[in-house]
């Protein structure tokens, strides 16, 4: 997931991403976690979701911009486990070894 912070003003501002409301440390990582946005520029924030179990999640992160109150960003996600299946033709190789074919 990603979102963009845009500075439409004439003064640069600082921002930071707060993860203190997460139910588990490291569940969501933001890149960059903090920085500055110059006038008439944009900064893309990338959020990476790192689940520990395959369940539905509803997590809150805080976006702190300049001197304003933090904005709560609600993230909905579902954890899944990737699966890879590998099949070897072991029987054919075993028969070839025994009978030399």
C-alpha atoms as a PDB file:
ATOM      1  CA  UNK A   1       0.000   0.000   0.000  1.00  0.00           C
ATOM      2  CA  UNK A   2       1.209   3.498  -0.636  1.00  0.00           C
ATOM      3  CA  UNK A   3       0.066   7.064  -0.268  1.00  0.00           C
ATOM      4  CA  UNK A   4       1.456  10.480  -1.191  1.00  0.00           C
ATOM      5  CA  UNK A   5       2.053  13.576   0.925  1.00  0.00           C
ATOM      6  CA  UNK A   6       1.812  16.737  -1.182  1.00  0.00           C
ATOM      7  CA  UNK A   7       2.992  20.196  -0.176  1.00  0.00           C
ATOM      8  CA  UNK A   8       0.883  22.739  -2.021  1.00  0.00           C
ATOM      9  CA  UNK A   9       2.158  25.613   0.148  1.00  0.00           C
ATOM     10  CA  UNK A  10       5.265  27.754   0.128  1.00  0.00           C
ATOM     11  CA  UNK A  11       6.838  26.490   3.352  1.00  0.00           C
ATOM     12  CA  UNK A  12       8.504  23.083   3.791  1.00  0.00           C
ATOM     13  CA  UNK A  13       7.038  20.793   6.448  1.00  0.00           C
ATOM     14  CA  UNK A  14       8.272  17.777   8.383  1.00  0.00           C
ATOM     15  CA  UNK A  15       6.352  14.525   8.707  1.00  0.00           C
ATOM     16  CA  UNK A  16       6.651  11.259  10.605  1.00  0.00           C
ATOM     17  CA  UNK A  17       4.770   7.964  10.623  1.00  0.00           C
ATOM     18  CA  UNK A  18       3.706   6.675  14.049  1.00  0.00           C
ATOM     19  CA  UNK A  19       3.353   2.918  14.517  1.00  0.00           C
ATOM     20  CA  UNK A  20       2.743   2.938  18.276  1.00  0.00           C
ATOM     21  CA  UNK A  21      -0.929   1.963  17.811  1.00  0.00           C
ATOM     22  CA  UNK A  22      -0.116  -1.321  16.048  1.00  0.00           C
ATOM     23  CA  UNK A  23      -1.163  -4.533  17.796  1.00  0.00           C
ATOM     24  CA  UNK A  24       2.251  -6.079  17.092  1.00  0.00           C
ATOM     25  CA  UNK A  25       5.667  -4.490  16.651  1.00  0.00           C
ATOM     26  CA  UNK A  26       6.807  -4.607  13.020  1.00  0.00           C
ATOM     27  CA  UNK A  27       3.395  -5.586  11.631  1.00  0.00           C
ATOM     28  CA  UNK A  28       3.407  -2.571   9.299  1.00  0.00           C
ATOM     29  CA  UNK A  29       6.585  -0.850   8.176  1.00  0.00           C
ATOM     30  CA  UNK A  30       6.660   2.553   6.505  1.00  0.00           C
ATOM     31  CA  UNK A  31       9.337   3.858   4.187  1.00  0.00           C
ATOM     32  CA  UNK A  32      10.364   6.571   4.778  1.00  0.00           C
ATOM     33  CA  UNK A  33       9.348   6.795   8.455  1.00  0.00           C
ATOM     34  CA  UNK A  34      10.026  10.528   8.578  1.00  0.00           C
ATOM     35  CA  UNK A  35      11.275  13.345   6.421  1.00  0.00           C
ATOM     36  CA  UNK A  36      10.560  16.753   4.991  1.00  0.00           C
ATOM     37  CA  UNK A  37       8.422  17.799   2.026  1.00  0.00           C
ATOM     38  CA  UNK A  38       9.581  20.899   0.176  1.00  0.00           C
ATOM     39  CA  UNK A  39       7.148  23.453  -1.312  1.00  0.00           C
ATOM     40  CA  UNK A  40       5.367  22.269  -4.465  1.00  0.00           C
ATOM     41  CA  UNK A  41       6.762  18.732  -4.035  1.00  0.00           C
ATOM     42  CA  UNK A  42       5.387  15.292  -3.171  1.00  0.00           C
ATOM     43  CA  UNK A  43       6.691  12.374  -1.133  1.00  0.00           C
ATOM     44  CA  UNK A  44       5.480   8.821  -1.633  1.00  0.00           C
ATOM     45  CA  UNK A  45       5.125   6.729   1.548  1.00  0.00           C
ATOM     46  CA  UNK A  46       5.187   2.955   1.080  1.00  0.00           C
ATOM     47  CA  UNK A  47       3.597   0.732   3.734  1.00  0.00           C
ATOM     48  CA  UNK A  48       4.661  -2.899   3.960  1.00  0.00           C
ATOM     49  CA  UNK A  49       2.450  -5.386   5.770  1.00  0.00           C
ATOM     50  CA  UNK A  50       4.265  -8.244   7.534  1.00  0.00           C
ATOM     51  CA  UNK A  51       1.711 -10.594   9.145  1.00  0.00           C
ATOM     52  CA  UNK A  52       2.598 -13.354  11.547  1.00  0.00           C
ATOM     53  CA  UNK A  53      -0.598 -15.366  11.180  1.00  0.00           C
ATOM     54  CA  UNK A  54      -3.177 -15.713   8.391  1.00  0.00           C
ATOM     55  CA  UNK A  55      -6.037 -13.619   9.807  1.00  0.00           C
ATOM     56  CA  UNK A  56      -7.829 -10.375   8.963  1.00  0.00           C
ATOM     57  CA  UNK A  57      -6.221  -7.229  10.355  1.00  0.00           C
ATOM     58  CA  UNK A  58      -7.515  -3.749  11.073  1.00  0.00           C
ATOM     59  CA  UNK A  59      -4.610  -1.590  12.213  1.00  0.00           C
ATOM     60  CA  UNK A  60      -4.118   2.128  12.825  1.00  0.00           C
ATOM     61  CA  UNK A  61      -1.049   4.192  12.062  1.00  0.00           C
ATOM     62  CA  UNK A  62      -0.569   7.889  12.727  1.00  0.00           C
ATOM     63  CA  UNK A  63       0.611  10.400  10.141  1.00  0.00           C
ATOM     64  CA  UNK A  64       2.155  13.412  11.874  1.00  0.00           C
ATOM     65  CA  UNK A  65       2.475  16.491   9.646  1.00  0.00           C
ATOM     66  CA  UNK A  66       4.123  19.681  10.918  1.00  0.00           C
ATOM     67  CA  UNK A  67       2.375  21.131  13.992  1.00  0.00           C
ATOM     68  CA  UNK A  68      -1.061  19.659  13.191  1.00  0.00           C
ATOM     69  CA  UNK A  69      -2.785  16.913  15.178  1.00  0.00           C
ATOM     70  CA  UNK A  70      -1.863  13.418  13.955  1.00  0.00           C
ATOM     71  CA  UNK A  71      -4.133  11.933  11.292  1.00  0.00           C
ATOM     72  CA  UNK A  72      -5.188   8.335  11.908  1.00  0.00           C
ATOM     73  CA  UNK A  73      -4.845   6.066   8.876  1.00  0.00           C
ATOM     74  CA  UNK A  74      -6.807   2.798   9.123  1.00  0.00           C
ATOM     75  CA  UNK A  75      -5.250  -0.159   7.297  1.00  0.00           C
ATOM     76  CA  UNK A  76      -7.274  -3.266   6.462  1.00  0.00           C
ATOM     77  CA  UNK A  77      -5.311  -6.353   5.428  1.00  0.00           C
ATOM     78  CA  UNK A  78      -5.408 -10.126   5.393  1.00  0.00           C
ATOM     79  CA  UNK A  79      -2.400 -12.258   6.230  1.00  0.00           C
ATOM     80  CA  UNK A  80      -1.741 -15.271   4.008  1.00  0.00           C
ATOM     81  CA  UNK A  81       1.058 -17.789   3.840  1.00  0.00           C
ATOM     82  CA  UNK A  82       2.626 -18.438   0.436  1.00  0.00           C
ATOM     83  CA  UNK A  83       2.773 -22.067  -0.570  1.00  0.00           C
ATOM     84  CA  UNK A  84       5.067 -23.728  -3.068  1.00  0.00           C
ATOM     85  CA  UNK A  85       4.542 -27.294  -4.259  1.00  0.00           C
ATOM     86  CA  UNK A  86       7.391 -29.195  -5.863  1.00  0.00           C
ATOM     87  CA  UNK A  87       6.950 -32.585  -7.477  1.00  0.00           C
ATOM     88  CA  UNK A  88       9.843 -34.848  -8.429  1.00  0.00           C
ATOM     89  CA  UNK A  89       9.528 -37.897 -10.626  1.00  0.00           C
ATOM     90  CA  UNK A  90      11.461 -40.057  -8.143  1.00  0.00           C
ATOM     91  CA  UNK A  91       9.792 -43.378  -9.087  1.00  0.00           C
ATOM     92  CA  UNK A  92      10.938 -43.180 -12.721  1.00  0.00           C
ATOM     93  CA  UNK A  93      14.500 -42.316 -11.665  1.00  0.00           C
ATOM     94  CA  UNK A  94      14.538 -45.221  -9.174  1.00  0.00           C
ATOM     95  CA  UNK A  95      13.367 -47.763 -11.812  1.00  0.00           C
ATOM     96  CA  UNK A  96      15.952 -46.441 -14.297  1.00  0.00           C
ATOM     97  CA  UNK A  97      18.685 -46.911 -11.698  1.00  0.00           C
ATOM     98  CA  UNK A  98      17.673 -50.497 -10.893  1.00  0.00           C
ATOM     99  CA  UNK A  99      17.195 -51.740 -14.471  1.00  0.00           C
ATOM    100  CA  UNK A 100      19.729 -49.458 -16.142  1.00  0.00           C
ATOM    101  CA  UNK A 101      17.284 -48.012 -18.656  1.00  0.00           C
END
